[in-house]
C-alpha atoms as a PDB file:
ATOM      1  CA  UNK A   1      -8.435  19.365  12.078  1.00  0.00           C
ATOM      2  CA  UNK A   2      -7.359  15.314   9.728  1.00  0.00           C
ATOM      3  CA  UNK A   3      -7.892  15.133   5.470  1.00  0.00           C
ATOM      4  CA  UNK A   4      -9.841  12.394   5.813  1.00  0.00           C
ATOM      5  CA  UNK A   5     -12.723  14.649   7.235  1.00  0.00           C
ATOM      6  CA  UNK A   6     -12.464  17.759   5.215  1.00  0.00           C
ATOM      7  CA  UNK A   7     -12.575  15.576   2.151  1.00  0.00           C
ATOM      8  CA  UNK A   8     -16.031  14.831   2.430  1.00  0.00           C
ATOM      9  CA  UNK A   9     -17.334  18.406   3.019  1.00  0.00           C
ATOM     10  CA  UNK A  10     -18.692  20.938  -0.608  1.00  0.00           C
ATOM     11  CA  UNK A  11     -16.528  22.863  -1.572  1.00  0.00           C
ATOM     12  CA  UNK A  12     -19.164  26.148  -0.107  1.00  0.00           C
ATOM     13  CA  UNK A  13     -18.681  24.304   3.378  1.00  0.00           C
ATOM     14  CA  UNK A  14     -14.543  24.062   2.749  1.00  0.00           C
ATOM     15  CA  UNK A  15     -14.746  27.577   1.811  1.00  0.00           C
ATOM     16  CA  UNK A  16     -16.510  29.252   4.742  1.00  0.00           C
ATOM     17  CA  UNK A  17     -14.147  26.405   6.765  1.00  0.00           C
ATOM     18  CA  UNK A  18     -11.011  28.618   5.079  1.00  0.00           C
ATOM     19  CA  UNK A  19     -12.459  31.827   6.331  1.00  0.00           C
ATOM     20  CA  UNK A  20     -13.074  30.913   9.360  1.00  0.00           C
ATOM     21  CA  UNK A  21      -9.579  30.043   9.943  1.00  0.00           C
ATOM     22  CA  UNK A  22      -7.807  32.771   8.262  1.00  0.00           C
ATOM     23  CA  UNK A  23      -9.425  35.385  10.668  1.00  0.00           C
ATOM     24  CA  UNK A  24      -8.459  32.608  12.928  1.00  0.00           C
ATOM     25  CA  UNK A  25      -5.400  32.795  11.844  1.00  0.00           C
ATOM     26  CA  UNK A  26      -4.919  37.266  11.975  1.00  0.00           C
ATOM     27  CA  UNK A  27      -6.136  36.496  15.454  1.00  0.00           C
ATOM     28  CA  UNK A  28      -3.579  34.593  16.705  1.00  0.00           C
ATOM     29  CA  UNK A  29      -1.446  36.884  15.591  1.00  0.00           C
ATOM     30  CA  UNK A  30      -3.105  40.081  16.615  1.00  0.00           C
ATOM     31  CA  UNK A  31      -2.671  38.562  20.658  1.00  0.00           C
ATOM     32  CA  UNK A  32       0.946  37.609  19.851  1.00  0.00           C
ATOM     33  CA  UNK A  33       1.761  41.377  18.787  1.00  0.00           C
ATOM     34  CA  UNK A  34       0.714  42.128  21.718  1.00  0.00           C
ATOM     35  CA  UNK A  35       2.117  39.135  23.769  1.00  0.00           C
ATOM     36  CA  UNK A  36      -1.332  38.014  24.800  1.00  0.00           C
ATOM     37  CA  UNK A  37      -0.677  34.112  23.503  1.00  0.00           C
ATOM     38  CA  UNK A  38       0.400  32.082  26.260  1.00  0.00           C
ATOM     39  CA  UNK A  39       0.809  29.487  23.296  1.00  0.00           C
ATOM     40  CA  UNK A  40       2.546  29.947  20.076  1.00  0.00           C
ATOM     41  CA  UNK A  41       2.966  27.421  18.898  1.00  0.00           C
ATOM     42  CA  UNK A  42      -1.461  27.408  17.884  1.00  0.00           C
ATOM     43  CA  UNK A  43      -0.470  30.081  15.427  1.00  0.00           C
ATOM     44  CA  UNK A  44       1.437  26.538  12.798  1.00  0.00           C
ATOM     45  CA  UNK A  45      -1.249  24.071  14.203  1.00  0.00           C
ATOM     46  CA  UNK A  46      -4.454  26.882  12.348  1.00  0.00           C
ATOM     47  CA  UNK A  47      -1.674  27.172   9.762  1.00  0.00           C
ATOM     48  CA  UNK A  48      -1.284  23.672   9.186  1.00  0.00           C
ATOM     49  CA  UNK A  49      -5.206  23.044   9.152  1.00  0.00           C
ATOM     50  CA  UNK A  50      -5.417  26.162   6.231  1.00  0.00           C
ATOM     51  CA  UNK A  51      -3.177  23.821   4.273  1.00  0.00           C
ATOM     52  CA  UNK A  52      -5.052  20.886   4.586  1.00  0.00           C
ATOM     53  CA  UNK A  53      -8.624  22.786   3.348  1.00  0.00           C
ATOM     54  CA  UNK A  54      -6.756  23.983   0.503  1.00  0.00           C
ATOM     55  CA  UNK A  55      -5.298  20.442  -0.536  1.00  0.00           C
ATOM     56  CA  UNK A  56      -8.809  19.441  -0.260  1.00  0.00           C
ATOM     57  CA  UNK A  57     -10.104  22.297  -2.065  1.00  0.00           C
ATOM     58  CA  UNK A  58      -7.923  21.617  -5.243  1.00  0.00           C
ATOM     59  CA  UNK A  59      -7.984  18.117  -5.208  1.00  0.00           C
ATOM     60  CA  UNK A  60     -12.257  18.628  -5.591  1.00  0.00           C
ATOM     61  CA  UNK A  61     -11.509  21.017  -8.337  1.00  0.00           C
ATOM     62  CA  UNK A  62      -9.358  18.991  -9.998  1.00  0.00           C
ATOM     63  CA  UNK A  63     -12.187  16.011  -9.385  1.00  0.00           C
ATOM     64  CA  UNK A  64     -14.270  17.776 -11.408  1.00  0.00           C
END
């Protein structure tokens, strides 16, 4: 997910995406602990997506 894709969305949609990504991160961490995760680098990708979403949210709040 790129920042360019996120900056066109409104705040409500960004919060929904953030909630989804956080639950995805939780599930990935559970799979990692139970040895079911085949690609541990997925966790880093989801964490970076969450950071991008938080950046987009704070940029939207600063503009208003």
